[in-house]
Amino acid sequence: MTEWAAMLRFAVRECHLRPTDFWRLSWREWLWLTATPAAPVLPRDVFETMEKAFPDD
C-alpha cells in the first residue's frame, strides 16, 4: 500500500472524511487532524471546581 493510500484510508475510516474532502486538506490541516492529542490544559479536578463555581445558565 502506498503512503497516500494509507493516509486516505485513515482519513475515511478514522476521521470520517469523504475522499474529496481528504484531497482538499492542506498539509497543515492534515498534520493537525492526525496529531497526537495534547494533554488537557486544565487538570480534571480544577475544571470541575471551575465548572461548579461558574455554572452555565
C-alpha atoms as a PDB file:
ATOM      1  CA  MET A   1       0.000   0.000   0.000  1.00  0.00           C
ATOM      2  CA  THR A   2       1.331   3.408  -0.901  1.00  0.00           C
ATOM      3  CA  GLU A   3       1.701   6.163   1.661  1.00  0.00           C
ATOM      4  CA  TRP A   4      -1.134   8.157   0.043  1.00  0.00           C
ATOM      5  CA  ALA A   5      -3.421   5.145   0.105  1.00  0.00           C
ATOM      6  CA  ALA A   6      -2.736   4.612   3.805  1.00  0.00           C
ATOM      7  CA  MET A   7      -3.401   8.287   4.530  1.00  0.00           C
ATOM      8  CA  LEU A   8      -6.644   8.212   2.540  1.00  0.00           C
ATOM      9  CA  ARG A   9      -7.778   5.037   4.284  1.00  0.00           C
ATOM     10  CA  PHE A  10      -7.098   6.626   7.686  1.00  0.00           C
ATOM     11  CA  ALA A  11      -8.956   9.799   6.696  1.00  0.00           C
ATOM     12  CA  VAL A  12     -12.021   7.870   5.551  1.00  0.00           C
ATOM     13  CA  ARG A  13     -12.155   5.225   8.278  1.00  0.00           C
ATOM     14  CA  GLU A  14     -10.932   7.099  11.335  1.00  0.00           C
ATOM     15  CA  CYS A  15     -11.735  10.743  10.575  1.00  0.00           C
ATOM     16  CA  HIS A  16     -14.930  10.027   8.617  1.00  0.00           C
ATOM     17  CA  LEU A  17     -13.897  12.290   5.746  1.00  0.00           C
ATOM     18  CA  ARG A  18     -15.123  11.837   2.214  1.00  0.00           C
ATOM     19  CA  PRO A  19     -12.292  11.234  -0.261  1.00  0.00           C
ATOM     20  CA  THR A  20     -12.983  14.593  -1.922  1.00  0.00           C
ATOM     21  CA  ASP A  21     -12.605  16.333   1.446  1.00  0.00           C
ATOM     22  CA  PHE A  22      -9.337  14.497   2.082  1.00  0.00           C
ATOM     23  CA  TRP A  23      -7.852  15.774  -1.173  1.00  0.00           C
ATOM     24  CA  ARG A  24      -8.882  19.348  -0.296  1.00  0.00           C
ATOM     25  CA  LEU A  25      -6.980  19.348   3.005  1.00  0.00           C
ATOM     26  CA  SER A  26      -3.852  21.421   3.263  1.00  0.00           C
ATOM     27  CA  TRP A  27      -0.763  19.730   4.675  1.00  0.00           C
ATOM     28  CA  ARG A  28      -1.150  21.818   7.846  1.00  0.00           C
ATOM     29  CA  GLU A  29      -4.767  20.669   8.246  1.00  0.00           C
ATOM     30  CA  TRP A  30      -3.713  17.043   7.790  1.00  0.00           C
ATOM     31  CA  LEU A  31      -0.999  17.362  10.421  1.00  0.00           C
ATOM     32  CA  TRP A  32      -3.447  18.967  12.837  1.00  0.00           C
ATOM     33  CA  LEU A  33      -6.057  16.285  12.159  1.00  0.00           C
ATOM     34  CA  THR A  34      -3.648  13.405  12.730  1.00  0.00           C
ATOM     35  CA  ALA A  35      -1.622  14.857  15.609  1.00  0.00           C
ATOM     36  CA  THR A  36      -1.481  13.067  18.923  1.00  0.00           C
ATOM     37  CA  PRO A  37      -3.885  14.783  21.292  1.00  0.00           C
ATOM     38  CA  ALA A  38      -2.165  17.089  23.726  1.00  0.00           C
ATOM     39  CA  ALA A  39      -2.618  16.789  27.449  1.00  0.00           C
ATOM     40  CA  PRO A  40      -5.602  18.722  28.765  1.00  0.00           C
ATOM     41  CA  VAL A  41      -4.859  22.344  29.540  1.00  0.00           C
ATOM     42  CA  LEU A  42      -6.502  22.046  32.964  1.00  0.00           C
ATOM     43  CA  PRO A  43      -6.451  19.012  35.230  1.00  0.00           C
ATOM     44  CA  ARG A  44      -9.910  17.480  35.528  1.00  0.00           C
ATOM     45  CA  ASP A  45     -10.365  18.420  39.202  1.00  0.00           C
ATOM     46  CA  VAL A  46      -9.528  22.070  38.505  1.00  0.00           C
ATOM     47  CA  PHE A  47     -12.005  22.092  35.617  1.00  0.00           C
ATOM     48  CA  GLU A  48     -14.753  20.596  37.773  1.00  0.00           C
ATOM     49  CA  THR A  49     -14.108  23.154  40.532  1.00  0.00           C
ATOM     50  CA  MET A  50     -14.392  25.979  37.997  1.00  0.00           C
ATOM     51  CA  GLU A  51     -17.477  24.380  36.498  1.00  0.00           C
ATOM     52  CA  LYS A  52     -19.190  24.438  39.901  1.00  0.00           C
ATOM     53  CA  ALA A  53     -18.062  27.992  40.632  1.00  0.00           C
ATOM     54  CA  PHE A  54     -19.184  29.316  37.236  1.00  0.00           C
ATOM     55  CA  PRO A  55     -22.119  27.187  36.019  1.00  0.00           C
ATOM     56  CA  ASP A  56     -23.733  27.713  32.635  1.00  0.00           C
ATOM     57  CA  ASP A  57     -27.206  29.187  32.916  1.00  0.00           C
END
